[in-house]
Amino acid sequence: ANAEKAAKEYADTLQESMLEEIDDVTDLLLDLDEEVANIVSDGIITEAEKAAISKILQTIQKEKNEADAKYEALYSDPYLTGSPKTNLQSKYNAVYGTASTSKYNDLITKINSVTSSTTAEQINTRMTAYRSSYTAYSQALAEYQLAIEDATNAIANEYAKEQASAAQENAQNYADESVRVAKESIETSITNLENRIALSVESVKQIAERKNYIVGGEQE
């Protein structure tokens, strides 16, 4: 029970830390989505509006880098192996990987495409592509979050097994030591008893020899 509790706490800490960073990225993307919708509403994108979008994108990238670092830490966890590990990597690459096809990178490309539009027609066309990209990103993100949950559960299971094994080993070592001490105590008691018996026998022999000596002297 203690091992399972410790394992759950360990895994929950990993999961909460990762999801917190992902939520930061997602919240900023939601803010950006609202900003993009506002600036294109009049069919014109000014230089000031482009600068505002660029600033938000820089902040998003910073948060995304922190989320990437959390992923690397989770992926490298010694308790994570097998399918949960490969699935985590696959879902991460799909949404946040370095490839241009990752949903995050495609989303950023689509946003930059919108802000570089020069006509209302371009804005409308590129906003449609952006909306599709945002939906794809959201779906991939949901799958990644499930992969994180599966990975942390797998880590918890392995951690619990290790803790239980260590507890069992400690209990066995304690039992072995108790047996050893008890055995030594018994052996010492037996040895002391044997010594006392031997001493008693020797005393009896000495007394008998003394009596025989005295009796023999009287006979002489």
Protein backbone atom coordinates (compact mmCIF):
# COMPACT_ATOMS: atom_id res chain seq x y z
CA ALA A 1 0.00 0.00 0.00
CA ASN A 2 2.79 2.40 0.86
CA ALA A 3 4.61 1.51 -2.35
CA GLU A 4 1.49 2.18 -4.44
CA LYS A 5 0.89 5.50 -2.68
CA ALA A 6 4.48 6.61 -3.25
CA ALA A 7 4.27 5.54 -6.89
CA LYS A 8 1.04 7.48 -7.46
CA GLU A 9 2.49 10.61 -5.89
CA TYR A 10 5.62 10.27 -8.05
CA ALA A 11 3.60 9.84 -11.26
CA ASP A 12 1.09 12.57 -10.39
CA THR A 13 3.93 15.04 -9.88
CA LEU A 14 5.34 14.24 -13.33
CA GLN A 15 1.96 14.46 -15.02
CA GLU A 16 0.89 17.71 -13.34
CA SER A 17 4.20 19.35 -14.18
CA MET A 18 3.92 18.41 -17.87
CA LEU A 19 0.26 19.31 -18.27
CA GLU A 20 0.86 22.66 -16.61
CA GLU A 21 3.40 23.61 -19.28
CA ILE A 22 1.11 22.38 -22.06
CA ASP A 23 -1.78 24.37 -20.62
CA ASP A 24 0.40 27.49 -20.71
CA VAL A 25 1.00 26.97 -24.43
CA THR A 26 -2.68 26.22 -25.07
CA ASP A 27 -3.88 29.28 -23.17
CA LEU A 28 -1.56 31.52 -25.16
CA LEU A 29 -2.75 29.97 -28.42
CA LEU A 30 -6.33 30.68 -27.40
CA ASP A 31 -5.39 34.31 -26.75
CA LEU A 32 -3.64 34.41 -30.10
CA ASP A 33 -6.70 32.94 -31.81
CA GLU A 34 -8.83 35.77 -30.44
CA GLU A 35 -6.25 38.33 -31.50
CA VAL A 36 -6.06 36.93 -35.02
CA ALA A 37 -9.85 36.97 -35.31
CA ASN A 38 -9.91 40.61 -34.21
CA ILE A 39 -7.22 41.88 -36.58
CA VAL A 40 -8.71 40.23 -39.66
CA SER A 41 -12.27 41.31 -38.95
CA ASP A 42 -11.89 44.51 -40.95
CA GLY A 43 -10.05 42.84 -43.82
CA ILE A 44 -6.88 44.84 -43.16
CA ILE A 45 -3.78 43.86 -41.17
CA THR A 46 -1.61 46.77 -40.07
CA GLU A 47 2.08 46.66 -39.20
CA ALA A 48 1.23 47.28 -35.56
CA GLU A 49 -1.12 44.28 -35.57
CA LYS A 50 1.58 42.13 -37.18
CA ALA A 51 3.99 43.20 -34.45
CA ALA A 52 1.45 42.29 -31.77
CA ILE A 53 0.98 38.82 -33.26
CA SER A 54 4.76 38.37 -33.55
CA LYS A 55 5.18 39.22 -29.87
CA ILE A 56 2.57 36.68 -28.83
CA LEU A 57 4.24 34.05 -31.00
CA GLN A 58 7.56 34.66 -29.24
CA THR A 59 5.92 34.12 -25.87
CA ILE A 60 4.25 30.95 -27.13
CA GLN A 61 7.57 29.62 -28.40
CA LYS A 62 9.16 30.21 -25.01
CA GLU A 63 6.40 28.27 -23.25
CA LYS A 64 6.60 25.56 -25.90
CA ASN A 65 10.33 25.15 -25.27
CA GLU A 66 9.58 24.61 -21.58
CA ALA A 67 6.95 22.01 -22.48
CA ASP A 68 9.53 20.29 -24.70
CA ALA A 69 11.96 20.11 -21.78
CA LYS A 70 9.29 18.45 -19.65
CA TYR A 71 8.69 15.92 -22.42
CA GLU A 72 12.41 15.09 -22.60
CA ALA A 73 12.48 14.52 -18.84
CA LEU A 74 9.44 12.24 -18.97
CA TYR A 75 10.67 10.33 -22.01
CA SER A 76 14.05 9.75 -20.32
CA ASP A 77 12.51 8.52 -17.07
CA PRO A 78 14.16 5.16 -16.21
CA TYR A 79 10.79 3.65 -15.26
CA LEU A 80 9.26 4.34 -18.69
CA THR A 81 9.73 1.51 -21.21
CA GLY A 82 7.91 -0.39 -23.93
CA SER A 83 4.72 0.71 -25.68
CA PRO A 84 3.90 3.65 -23.36
CA LYS A 85 7.33 5.11 -24.16
CA THR A 86 7.08 4.69 -27.94
CA ASN A 87 3.49 5.94 -27.95
CA LEU A 88 4.50 9.04 -25.98
CA GLN A 89 7.22 9.79 -28.51
CA SER A 90 4.86 9.26 -31.44
CA LYS A 91 2.13 11.54 -30.07
CA TYR A 92 4.67 14.20 -29.05
CA ASN A 93 6.23 14.23 -32.53
CA ALA A 94 2.78 14.53 -34.09
CA VAL A 95 1.89 17.66 -32.16
CA TYR A 96 5.17 19.29 -31.14
CA GLY A 97 7.93 17.54 -33.10
CA THR A 98 10.59 19.38 -35.08
CA ALA A 99 9.20 18.31 -38.45
CA SER A 100 7.36 20.95 -40.44
CA THR A 101 4.40 18.56 -40.51
CA SER A 102 3.93 18.65 -36.73
CA LYS A 103 0.60 20.25 -35.87
CA TYR A 104 2.17 23.03 -33.82
CA ASN A 105 4.64 24.04 -36.55
CA ASP A 106 1.90 23.88 -39.19
CA LEU A 107 -0.29 26.09 -37.01
CA ILE A 108 2.45 28.70 -36.64
CA THR A 109 3.02 28.62 -40.40
CA LYS A 110 -0.66 29.20 -41.03
CA ILE A 111 -0.74 32.13 -38.57
CA ASN A 112 2.24 33.76 -40.28
CA SER A 113 0.51 33.19 -43.61
CA VAL A 114 -2.57 35.03 -42.36
CA THR A 115 -0.60 38.00 -41.04
CA SER A 116 1.30 38.32 -44.31
CA SER A 117 -1.92 38.60 -46.30
CA THR A 118 -2.34 41.80 -48.28
CA THR A 119 -5.93 41.51 -49.45
CA ALA A 120 -9.25 40.63 -47.86
CA GLU A 121 -9.55 37.65 -50.21
CA GLN A 122 -6.18 36.30 -49.07
CA ILE A 123 -7.16 36.79 -45.45
CA ASN A 124 -10.37 34.80 -45.88
CA THR A 125 -8.66 31.96 -47.72
CA ARG A 126 -5.78 31.74 -45.28
CA MET A 127 -8.04 32.03 -42.25
CA THR A 128 -9.89 28.93 -43.45
CA ALA A 129 -6.58 27.06 -43.64
CA TYR A 130 -5.65 28.41 -40.22
CA ARG A 131 -8.92 27.21 -38.68
CA SER A 132 -8.37 23.71 -40.07
CA SER A 133 -4.82 23.71 -38.74
CA TYR A 134 -6.02 24.83 -35.30
CA THR A 135 -8.54 21.98 -35.18
CA ALA A 136 -5.87 19.45 -36.18
CA TYR A 137 -3.56 20.84 -33.51
CA SER A 138 -6.25 20.53 -30.83
CA GLN A 139 -6.94 16.91 -31.77
CA ALA A 140 -3.26 15.98 -31.77
CA LEU A 141 -2.80 17.75 -28.43
CA ALA A 142 -5.64 15.72 -26.87
CA GLU A 143 -3.98 12.49 -28.05
CA TYR A 144 -0.65 13.64 -26.65
CA GLN A 145 -2.23 14.38 -23.27
CA LEU A 146 -3.66 10.85 -23.18
CA ALA A 147 -0.20 9.48 -24.02
CA ILE A 148 1.22 11.47 -21.10
CA GLU A 149 -1.36 9.93 -18.80
CA ASP A 150 -0.56 6.42 -20.05
CA ALA A 151 3.16 7.04 -19.64
CA THR A 152 2.87 8.33 -16.10
CA ASN A 153 0.62 5.39 -15.15
CA ALA A 154 3.22 3.00 -16.56
CA ILE A 155 5.92 4.79 -14.57
CA ALA A 156 3.82 4.50 -11.42
CA ASN A 157 3.39 0.75 -11.92
CA GLU A 158 7.11 0.16 -12.40
CA TYR A 159 7.97 2.42 -9.49
CA ALA A 160 5.52 0.56 -7.26
CA LYS A 161 7.02 -2.79 -8.25
CA GLU A 162 10.50 -1.58 -7.39
CA GLN A 163 9.40 -0.17 -4.05
CA ALA A 164 7.51 -3.36 -3.18
CA SER A 165 10.51 -5.48 -4.16
CA ALA A 166 12.81 -3.34 -2.05
CA ALA A 167 10.43 -3.61 0.91
CA GLN A 168 10.27 -7.38 0.49
CA GLU A 169 14.05 -7.59 0.31
CA ASN A 170 14.39 -5.47 3.45
CA ALA A 171 11.86 -7.67 5.24
CA GLN A 172 13.73 -10.81 4.16
CA ASN A 173 17.03 -9.32 5.28
CA TYR A 174 15.47 -8.48 8.65
CA ALA A 175 14.09 -11.99 8.97
CA ASP A 176 17.43 -13.54 8.00
CA GLU A 177 19.21 -11.38 10.56
CA SER A 178 16.71 -12.31 13.25
CA VAL A 179 17.20 -16.00 12.47
CA ARG A 180 20.97 -15.58 12.54
CA VAL A 181 20.88 -13.83 15.91
CA ALA A 182 18.50 -16.41 17.34
CA LYS A 183 20.65 -19.26 16.01
CA GLU A 184 23.79 -17.75 17.49
CA SER A 185 22.00 -17.28 20.81
CA ILE A 186 20.85 -20.91 20.83
CA GLU A 187 24.29 -22.16 19.84
CA THR A 188 25.85 -20.07 22.59
CA SER A 189 23.37 -21.44 25.12
CA ILE A 190 24.07 -25.00 24.00
CA THR A 191 27.81 -24.41 24.20
CA ASN A 192 27.46 -22.95 27.68
CA LEU A 193 25.32 -25.91 28.72
CA GLU A 194 27.82 -28.37 27.31
CA ASN A 195 30.63 -26.59 29.12
CA ARG A 196 28.72 -26.75 32.39
CA ILE A 197 27.94 -30.43 31.89
CA ALA A 198 31.57 -31.13 31.09
CA LEU A 199 32.61 -29.16 34.14
CA SER A 200 30.15 -31.05 36.30
CA VAL A 201 31.39 -34.41 34.99
CA GLU A 202 34.96 -33.37 35.63
CA SER A 203 34.04 -32.33 39.15
CA VAL A 204 32.37 -35.67 39.78
CA LYS A 205 35.47 -37.48 38.51
CA GLN A 206 37.70 -35.45 40.74
CA ILE A 207 35.52 -36.13 43.77
CA ALA A 208 35.44 -39.86 42.99
CA GLU A 209 39.20 -39.96 42.56
CA ARG A 210 39.66 -38.18 45.86
CA LYS A 211 37.40 -40.67 47.62
CA ASN A 212 39.24 -43.58 46.06
CA TYR A 213 42.52 -42.11 47.20
CA ILE A 214 41.31 -41.70 50.74
CA VAL A 215 39.81 -45.16 50.82
CA GLY A 216 42.99 -46.63 49.47
CA GLY A 217 45.05 -44.81 52.06
CA GLU A 218 42.98 -46.21 54.88
CA GLN A 219 43.38 -49.70 53.48
CA GLU A 220 47.15 -49.29 53.55
